[in-house]
Amino acid sequence: MGITHRFTSLDMRLSRVVRLGERVRLDIIAEGFNLLDRFNEGSASPFIDDVNGFKQRAGNGHYFSRPTAAFDPRQFQLGLKLNF
């Protein structure tokens, strides 16, 4: 049976609060997902021709398979939140 490589991701969130008076505040938010932009396999092909295609073995003896789906690449997100 084929297996996928290890999933690795680095996510980060930065936020800043800006007071706009006594009762009003503005939150400025910046987020980044998968900052190292590593390719993460979402699923792998179960077919025997694809499983043995790379000739790479894991420590437990199983072969790595051909990836058929991937998780999201590097993404950034900005936001504003007004609290009153």
PDB file of N, CA and C in Angstrom:
ATOM      1  N   MET A   1       0.839  -1.182   0.000  1.00  0.00           N
ATOM      2  CA  MET A   1       0.000   0.000   0.000  1.00  0.00           C
ATOM      3  C   MET A   1       0.880   1.239   0.000  1.00  0.00           C
ATOM      4  N   GLY A   2       0.539   2.207  -0.810  1.00  0.00           N
ATOM      5  CA  GLY A   2       1.323   3.435  -0.872  1.00  0.00           C
ATOM      6  C   GLY A   2       0.949   4.401   0.227  1.00  0.00           C
ATOM      7  N   ILE A   3       1.892   5.205   0.620  1.00  0.00           N
ATOM      8  CA  ILE A   3       1.650   6.213   1.649  1.00  0.00           C
ATOM      9  C   ILE A   3       2.106   7.574   1.124  1.00  0.00           C
ATOM     10  N   THR A   4       1.693   8.624   1.797  1.00  0.00           N
ATOM     11  CA  THR A   4       2.102   9.976   1.409  1.00  0.00           C
ATOM     12  C   THR A   4       3.247  10.439   2.300  1.00  0.00           C
ATOM     13  N   HIS A   5       3.941  11.472   1.846  1.00  0.00           N
ATOM     14  CA  HIS A   5       5.016  12.050   2.645  1.00  0.00           C
ATOM     15  C   HIS A   5       4.427  12.825   3.819  1.00  0.00           C
ATOM     16  N   ARG A   6       5.268  13.219   4.719  1.00  0.00           N
ATOM     17  CA  ARG A   6       4.862  13.927   5.934  1.00  0.00           C
ATOM     18  C   ARG A   6       4.249  15.290   5.621  1.00  0.00           C
ATOM     19  N   PHE A   7       3.227  15.675   6.392  1.00  0.00           N
ATOM     20  CA  PHE A   7       2.573  16.982   6.255  1.00  0.00           C
ATOM     21  C   PHE A   7       3.308  17.980   7.143  1.00  0.00           C
ATOM     22  N   THR A   8       3.736  19.101   6.554  1.00  0.00           N
ATOM     23  CA  THR A   8       4.423  20.152   7.295  1.00  0.00           C
ATOM     24  C   THR A   8       3.871  21.493   6.861  1.00  0.00           C
ATOM     25  N   SER A   9       3.511  22.331   7.838  1.00  0.00           N
ATOM     26  CA  SER A   9       2.974  23.645   7.520  1.00  0.00           C
ATOM     27  C   SER A   9       3.320  24.613   8.647  1.00  0.00           C
ATOM     28  N   LEU A  10       3.583  25.862   8.295  1.00  0.00           N
ATOM     29  CA  LEU A  10       3.845  26.912   9.274  1.00  0.00           C
ATOM     30  C   LEU A  10       2.834  28.022   9.042  1.00  0.00           C
ATOM     31  N   ASP A  11       1.975  28.259  10.033  1.00  0.00           N
ATOM     32  CA  ASP A  11       0.959  29.304   9.959  1.00  0.00           C
ATOM     33  C   ASP A  11       1.290  30.377  10.988  1.00  0.00           C
ATOM     34  N   MET A  12       0.959  31.636  10.651  1.00  0.00           N
ATOM     35  CA  MET A  12       1.248  32.732  11.564  1.00  0.00           C
ATOM     36  C   MET A  12       0.144  33.777  11.482  1.00  0.00           C
ATOM     37  N   ARG A  13      -0.149  34.405  12.625  1.00  0.00           N
ATOM     38  CA  ARG A  13      -1.157  35.459  12.686  1.00  0.00           C
ATOM     39  C   ARG A  13      -0.584  36.626  13.475  1.00  0.00           C
ATOM     40  N   LEU A  14      -0.692  37.823  12.906  1.00  0.00           N
ATOM     41  CA  LEU A  14      -0.301  39.056  13.574  1.00  0.00           C
ATOM     42  C   LEU A  14      -1.528  39.948  13.674  1.00  0.00           C
ATOM     43  N   SER A  15      -1.686  40.594  14.823  1.00  0.00           N
ATOM     44  CA  SER A  15      -2.830  41.491  14.981  1.00  0.00           C
ATOM     45  C   SER A  15      -2.403  42.720  15.781  1.00  0.00           C
ATOM     46  N   ARG A  16      -3.095  43.795  15.532  1.00  0.00           N
ATOM     47  CA  ARG A  16      -2.822  45.069  16.198  1.00  0.00           C
ATOM     48  C   ARG A  16      -4.155  45.719  16.532  1.00  0.00           C
ATOM     49  N   VAL A  17      -4.283  46.237  17.744  1.00  0.00           N
ATOM     50  CA  VAL A  17      -5.499  46.915  18.171  1.00  0.00           C
ATOM     51  C   VAL A  17      -5.255  48.420  18.125  1.00  0.00           C
ATOM     52  N   VAL A  18      -6.160  49.145  17.455  1.00  0.00           N
ATOM     53  CA  VAL A  18      -6.088  50.602  17.376  1.00  0.00           C
ATOM     54  C   VAL A  18      -7.339  51.155  18.047  1.00  0.00           C
ATOM     55  N   ARG A  19      -7.166  51.944  19.087  1.00  0.00           N
ATOM     56  CA  ARG A  19      -8.300  52.550  19.796  1.00  0.00           C
ATOM     57  C   ARG A  19      -8.749  53.794  19.030  1.00  0.00           C
ATOM     58  N   LEU A  20     -10.042  53.876  18.755  1.00  0.00           N
ATOM     59  CA  LEU A  20     -10.612  55.005  18.019  1.00  0.00           C
ATOM     60  C   LEU A  20     -11.567  55.802  18.910  1.00  0.00           C
ATOM     61  N   GLY A  21     -11.285  55.851  20.158  1.00  0.00           N
ATOM     62  CA  GLY A  21     -12.141  56.529  21.122  1.00  0.00           C
ATOM     63  C   GLY A  21     -12.297  55.658  22.343  1.00  0.00           C
ATOM     64  N   GLU A  22     -13.246  56.055  23.214  1.00  0.00           N
ATOM     65  CA  GLU A  22     -13.451  55.324  24.448  1.00  0.00           C
ATOM     66  C   GLU A  22     -14.051  53.943  24.237  1.00  0.00           C
ATOM     67  N   ARG A  23     -14.995  53.832  23.322  1.00  0.00           N
ATOM     68  CA  ARG A  23     -15.750  52.589  23.166  1.00  0.00           C
ATOM     69  C   ARG A  23     -15.531  51.900  21.818  1.00  0.00           C
ATOM     70  N   VAL A  24     -14.730  52.469  20.969  1.00  0.00           N
ATOM     71  CA  VAL A  24     -14.547  51.911  19.626  1.00  0.00           C
ATOM     72  C   VAL A  24     -13.084  51.498  19.446  1.00  0.00           C
ATOM     73  N   ARG A  25     -12.900  50.311  18.901  1.00  0.00           N
ATOM     74  CA  ARG A  25     -11.544  49.856  18.584  1.00  0.00           C
ATOM     75  C   ARG A  25     -11.544  49.137  17.242  1.00  0.00           C
ATOM     76  N   LEU A  26     -10.414  49.191  16.584  1.00  0.00           N
ATOM     77  CA  LEU A  26     -10.230  48.563  15.278  1.00  0.00           C
ATOM     78  C   LEU A  26      -9.123  47.527  15.396  1.00  0.00           C
ATOM     79  N   ASP A  27      -9.416  46.290  15.028  1.00  0.00           N
ATOM     80  CA  ASP A  27      -8.411  45.222  15.014  1.00  0.00           C
ATOM     81  C   ASP A  27      -7.914  45.066  13.582  1.00  0.00           C
ATOM     82  N   ILE A  28      -6.601  45.157  13.404  1.00  0.00           N
ATOM     83  CA  ILE A  28      -5.978  44.933  12.100  1.00  0.00           C
ATOM     84  C   ILE A  28      -5.316  43.556  12.157  1.00  0.00           C
ATOM     85  N   ILE A  29      -5.665  42.687  11.214  1.00  0.00           N
ATOM     86  CA  ILE A  29      -5.241  41.285  11.272  1.00  0.00           C
ATOM     87  C   ILE A  29      -4.550  40.897   9.967  1.00  0.00           C
ATOM     88  N   ALA A  30      -3.404  40.234  10.086  1.00  0.00           N
ATOM     89  CA  ALA A  30      -2.704  39.662   8.932  1.00  0.00           C
ATOM     90  C   ALA A  30      -2.381  38.208   9.259  1.00  0.00           C
ATOM     91  N   GLU A  31      -2.763  37.304   8.359  1.00  0.00           N
ATOM     92  CA  GLU A  31      -2.528  35.878   8.567  1.00  0.00           C
ATOM     93  C   GLU A  31      -1.811  35.287   7.356  1.00  0.00           C
ATOM     94  N   GLY A  32      -0.957  34.327   7.617  1.00  0.00           N
ATOM     95  CA  GLY A  32      -0.275  33.603   6.550  1.00  0.00           C
ATOM     96  C   GLY A  32      -0.370  32.108   6.820  1.00  0.00           C
ATOM     97  N   PHE A  33      -0.637  31.346   5.786  1.00  0.00           N
ATOM     98  CA  PHE A  33      -0.784  29.893   5.901  1.00  0.00           C
ATOM     99  C   PHE A  33       0.234  29.206   4.998  1.00  0.00           C
ATOM    100  N   ASN A  34       0.837  28.137   5.480  1.00  0.00           N
ATOM    101  CA  ASN A  34       1.867  27.387   4.751  1.00  0.00           C
ATOM    102  C   ASN A  34       2.971  28.340   4.280  1.00  0.00           C
ATOM    103  N   LEU A  35       3.522  29.111   5.212  1.00  0.00           N
ATOM    104  CA  LEU A  35       4.491  30.154   4.875  1.00  0.00           C
ATOM    105  C   LEU A  35       5.751  29.632   4.198  1.00  0.00           C
ATOM    106  N   LEU A  36       6.126  28.398   4.448  1.00  0.00           N
ATOM    107  CA  LEU A  36       7.310  27.833   3.796  1.00  0.00           C
ATOM    108  C   LEU A  36       7.007  27.333   2.392  1.00  0.00           C
ATOM    109  N   ASP A  37       5.751  27.378   1.988  1.00  0.00           N
ATOM    110  CA  ASP A  37       5.283  26.961   0.665  1.00  0.00           C
ATOM    111  C   ASP A  37       5.749  25.549   0.315  1.00  0.00           C
ATOM    112  N   ARG A  38       5.584  24.642   1.257  1.00  0.00           N
ATOM    113  CA  ARG A  38       5.956  23.247   1.041  1.00  0.00           C
ATOM    114  C   ARG A  38       4.807  22.510   0.366  1.00  0.00           C
ATOM    115  N   PHE A  39       5.136  21.648  -0.575  1.00  0.00           N
ATOM    116  CA  PHE A  39       4.129  20.818  -1.233  1.00  0.00           C
ATOM    117  C   PHE A  39       3.699  19.717  -0.271  1.00  0.00           C
ATOM    118  N   ASN A  40       2.417  19.701   0.076  1.00  0.00           N
ATOM    119  CA  ASN A  40       1.856  18.687   0.972  1.00  0.00           C
ATOM    120  C   ASN A  40       0.839  17.850   0.204  1.00  0.00           C
ATOM    121  N   GLU A  41       1.078  16.564   0.178  1.00  0.00           N
ATOM    122  CA  GLU A  41       0.195  15.650  -0.540  1.00  0.00           C
ATOM    123  C   GLU A  41      -1.111  15.464   0.221  1.00  0.00           C
ATOM    124  N   GLY A  42      -2.243  15.622  -0.482  1.00  0.00           N
ATOM    125  CA  GLY A  42      -3.543  15.428   0.138  1.00  0.00           C
ATOM    126  C   GLY A  42      -3.981  13.979   0.113  1.00  0.00           C
ATOM    127  N   SER A  43      -3.707  13.286  -0.982  1.00  0.00           N
ATOM    128  CA  SER A  43      -4.030  11.864  -1.089  1.00  0.00           C
ATOM    129  C   SER A  43      -3.086  11.240  -2.115  1.00  0.00           C
ATOM    130  N   ALA A  44      -3.059   9.929  -2.108  1.00  0.00           N
ATOM    131  CA  ALA A  44      -2.153   9.198  -2.993  1.00  0.00           C
ATOM    132  C   ALA A  44      -2.919   8.125  -3.756  1.00  0.00           C
ATOM    133  N   SER A  45      -2.386   7.764  -4.895  1.00  0.00           N
ATOM    134  CA  SER A  45      -2.999   6.743  -5.737  1.00  0.00           C
ATOM    135  C   SER A  45      -2.824   5.356  -5.109  1.00  0.00           C
ATOM    136  N   PRO A  46      -3.878   4.553  -5.069  1.00  0.00           N
ATOM    137  CA  PRO A  46      -3.766   3.213  -4.479  1.00  0.00           C
ATOM    138  C   PRO A  46      -3.318   2.140  -5.472  1.00  0.00           C
ATOM    139  N   PHE A  47      -3.160   2.472  -6.744  1.00  0.00           N
ATOM    140  CA  PHE A  47      -2.838   1.470  -7.762  1.00  0.00           C
ATOM    141  C   PHE A  47      -1.384   1.021  -7.654  1.00  0.00           C
ATOM    142  N   ILE A  48      -1.149  -0.265  -7.858  1.00  0.00           N
ATOM    143  CA  ILE A  48       0.177  -0.856  -7.666  1.00  0.00           C
ATOM    144  C   ILE A  48       1.213  -0.242  -8.599  1.00  0.00           C
ATOM    145  N   ASP A  49       0.835   0.133  -9.814  1.00  0.00           N
ATOM    146  CA  ASP A  49       1.793   0.743 -10.741  1.00  0.00           C
ATOM    147  C   ASP A  49       2.264   2.100 -10.231  1.00  0.00           C
ATOM    148  N   ASP A  50       1.386   2.837  -9.559  1.00  0.00           N
ATOM    149  CA  ASP A  50       1.748   4.151  -9.024  1.00  0.00           C
ATOM    150  C   ASP A  50       2.482   4.047  -7.696  1.00  0.00           C
ATOM    151  N   VAL A  51       2.193   3.013  -6.931  1.00  0.00           N
ATOM    152  CA  VAL A  51       2.819   2.861  -5.616  1.00  0.00           C
ATOM    153  C   VAL A  51       4.305   2.583  -5.751  1.00  0.00           C
ATOM    154  N   ASN A  52       4.686   1.746  -6.652  1.00  0.00           N
ATOM    155  CA  ASN A  52       6.091   1.375  -6.799  1.00  0.00           C
ATOM    156  C   ASN A  52       6.826   2.266  -7.799  1.00  0.00           C
ATOM    157  N   GLY A  53       6.156   3.281  -8.335  1.00  0.00           N
ATOM    158  CA  GLY A  53       6.748   4.115  -9.379  1.00  0.00           C
ATOM    159  C   GLY A  53       7.941   4.945  -8.945  1.00  0.00           C
ATOM    160  N   PHE A  54       7.972   5.400  -7.694  1.00  0.00           N
ATOM    161  CA  PHE A  54       9.056   6.270  -7.229  1.00  0.00           C
ATOM    162  C   PHE A  54      10.236   5.500  -6.655  1.00  0.00           C
ATOM    163  N   LYS A  55      10.020   4.258  -6.304  1.00  0.00           N
ATOM    164  CA  LYS A  55      11.067   3.424  -5.688  1.00  0.00           C
ATOM    165  C   LYS A  55      11.611   4.047  -4.405  1.00  0.00           C
ATOM    166  N   GLN A  56      10.736   4.751  -3.664  1.00  0.00           N
ATOM    167  CA  GLN A  56      11.118   5.329  -2.373  1.00  0.00           C
ATOM    168  C   GLN A  56      10.380   4.573  -1.278  1.00  0.00           C
ATOM    169  N   ARG A  57      11.098   4.212  -0.250  1.00  0.00           N
ATOM    170  CA  ARG A  57      10.486   3.462   0.860  1.00  0.00           C
ATOM    171  C   ARG A  57      10.556   4.271   2.139  1.00  0.00           C
ATOM    172  N   ALA A  58       9.517   4.134   2.941  1.00  0.00           N
ATOM    173  CA  ALA A  58       9.494   4.745   4.271  1.00  0.00           C
ATOM    174  C   ALA A  58      10.195   3.808   5.249  1.00  0.00           C
ATOM    175  N   GLY A  59      10.370   4.262   6.471  1.00  0.00           N
ATOM    176  CA  GLY A  59      11.041   3.450   7.479  1.00  0.00           C
ATOM    177  C   GLY A  59      10.300   2.165   7.811  1.00  0.00           C
ATOM    178  N   ASN A  60       8.978   2.133   7.616  1.00  0.00           N
ATOM    179  CA  ASN A  60       8.201   0.933   7.935  1.00  0.00           C
ATOM    180  C   ASN A  60       8.105  -0.041   6.760  1.00  0.00           C
ATOM    181  N   GLY A  61       8.784   0.238   5.654  1.00  0.00           N
ATOM    182  CA  GLY A  61       8.805  -0.684   4.527  1.00  0.00           C
ATOM    183  C   GLY A  61       7.782  -0.408   3.447  1.00  0.00           C
ATOM    184  N   HIS A  62       6.813   0.473   3.710  1.00  0.00           N
ATOM    185  CA  HIS A  62       5.827   0.799   2.684  1.00  0.00           C
ATOM    186  C   HIS A  62       6.427   1.744   1.644  1.00  0.00           C
ATOM    187  N   TYR A  63       5.900   1.677   0.434  1.00  0.00           N
ATOM    188  CA  TYR A  63       6.362   2.541  -0.639  1.00  0.00           C
ATOM    189  C   TYR A  63       5.539   3.830  -0.689  1.00  0.00           C
ATOM    190  N   PHE A  64       6.202   4.923  -1.041  1.00  0.00           N
ATOM    191  CA  PHE A  64       5.478   6.168  -1.277  1.00  0.00           C
ATOM    192  C   PHE A  64       4.772   6.074  -2.622  1.00  0.00           C
ATOM    193  N   SER A  65       3.601   6.663  -2.737  1.00  0.00           N
ATOM    194  CA  SER A  65       2.793   6.572  -3.934  1.00  0.00           C
ATOM    195  C   SER A  65       2.770   7.896  -4.692  1.00  0.00           C
ATOM    196  N   ARG A  66       2.202   7.871  -5.907  1.00  0.00           N
ATOM    197  CA  ARG A  66       2.059   9.080  -6.722  1.00  0.00           C
ATOM    198  C   ARG A  66       0.957   9.946  -6.113  1.00  0.00           C
ATOM    199  N   PRO A  67       1.237  11.237  -5.844  1.00  0.00           N
ATOM    200  CA  PRO A  67       0.191  12.102  -5.280  1.00  0.00           C
ATOM    201  C   PRO A  67      -0.921  12.374  -6.288  1.00  0.00           C
ATOM    202  N   THR A  68      -2.169  12.397  -5.805  1.00  0.00           N
ATOM    203  CA  THR A  68      -3.312  12.692  -6.668  1.00  0.00           C
ATOM    204  C   THR A  68      -4.025  13.972  -6.258  1.00  0.00           C
ATOM    205  N   ALA A  69      -3.699  14.517  -5.095  1.00  0.00           N
ATOM    206  CA  ALA A  69      -4.289  15.777  -4.626  1.00  0.00           C
ATOM    207  C   ALA A  69      -3.283  16.460  -3.708  1.00  0.00           C
ATOM    208  N   ALA A  70      -3.422  17.773  -3.579  1.00  0.00           N
ATOM    209  CA  ALA A  70      -2.496  18.533  -2.736  1.00  0.00           C
ATOM    210  C   ALA A  70      -3.272  19.510  -1.860  1.00  0.00           C
ATOM    211  N   PHE A  71      -2.690  19.818  -0.697  1.00  0.00           N
ATOM    212  CA  PHE A  71      -3.257  20.850   0.153  1.00  0.00           C
ATOM    213  C   PHE A  71      -2.895  22.215  -0.410  1.00  0.00           C
ATOM    214  N   ASP A  72      -3.503  23.267   0.110  1.00  0.00           N
ATOM    215  CA  ASP A  72      -3.322  24.619  -0.419  1.00  0.00           C
ATOM    216  C   ASP A  72      -1.869  25.086  -0.343  1.00  0.00           C
ATOM    217  N   PRO A  73      -1.440  25.876  -1.342  1.00  0.00           N
ATOM    218  CA  PRO A  73      -0.095  26.467  -1.292  1.00  0.00           C
ATOM    219  C   PRO A  73      -0.091  27.663  -0.331  1.00  0.00           C
ATOM    220  N   ARG A  74       0.982  28.424  -0.343  1.00  0.00           N
ATOM    221  CA  ARG A  74       1.098  29.598   0.521  1.00  0.00           C
ATOM    222  C   ARG A  74      -0.056  30.560   0.273  1.00  0.00           C
ATOM    223  N   GLN A  75      -0.659  31.043   1.362  1.00  0.00           N
ATOM    224  CA  GLN A  75      -1.781  31.977   1.257  1.00  0.00           C
ATOM    225  C   GLN A  75      -1.635  33.066   2.313  1.00  0.00           C
ATOM    226  N   PHE A  76      -2.107  34.272   1.966  1.00  0.00           N
ATOM    227  CA  PHE A  76      -2.126  35.386   2.900  1.00  0.00           C
ATOM    228  C   PHE A  76      -3.549  35.909   3.006  1.00  0.00           C
ATOM    229  N   GLN A  77      -3.874  36.432   4.172  1.00  0.00           N
ATOM    230  CA  GLN A  77      -5.220  36.935   4.413  1.00  0.00           C
ATOM    231  C   GLN A  77      -5.105  38.183   5.293  1.00  0.00           C
ATOM    232  N   LEU A  78      -5.783  39.254   4.888  1.00  0.00           N
ATOM    233  CA  LEU A  78      -5.798  40.497   5.658  1.00  0.00           C
ATOM    234  C   LEU A  78      -7.231  40.775   6.088  1.00  0.00           C
ATOM    235  N   GLY A  79      -7.381  41.378   7.280  1.00  0.00           N
ATOM    236  CA  GLY A  79      -8.733  41.661   7.749  1.00  0.00           C
ATOM    237  C   GLY A  79      -8.773  42.844   8.703  1.00  0.00           C
ATOM    238  N   LEU A  80      -9.946  43.438   8.762  1.00  0.00           N
ATOM    239  CA  LEU A  80     -10.247  44.526   9.700  1.00  0.00           C
ATOM    240  C   LEU A  80     -11.479  44.137  10.496  1.00  0.00           C
ATOM    241  N   LYS A  81     -11.465  44.439  11.803  1.00  0.00           N
ATOM    242  CA  LYS A  81     -12.602  44.124  12.653  1.00  0.00           C
ATOM    243  C   LYS A  81     -12.890  45.357  13.504  1.00  0.00           C
ATOM    244  N   LEU A  82     -14.073  45.875  13.373  1.00  0.00           N
ATOM    245  CA  LEU A  82     -14.480  47.073  14.104  1.00  0.00           C
ATOM    246  C   LEU A  82     -15.359  46.665  15.280  1.00  0.00           C
ATOM    247  N   ASN A  83     -14.926  46.988  16.483  1.00  0.00           N
ATOM    248  CA  ASN A  83     -15.676  46.674  17.702  1.00  0.00           C
ATOM    249  C   ASN A  83     -16.206  47.965  18.299  1.00  0.00           C
ATOM    250  N   PHE A  84     -17.512  48.008  18.541  1.00  0.00           N
ATOM    251  CA  PHE A  84     -18.104  49.209  19.151  1.00  0.00           C
ATOM    252  C   PHE A  84     -19.188  48.843  20.119  1.00  0.00           C
TER     253      PHE A  84
END
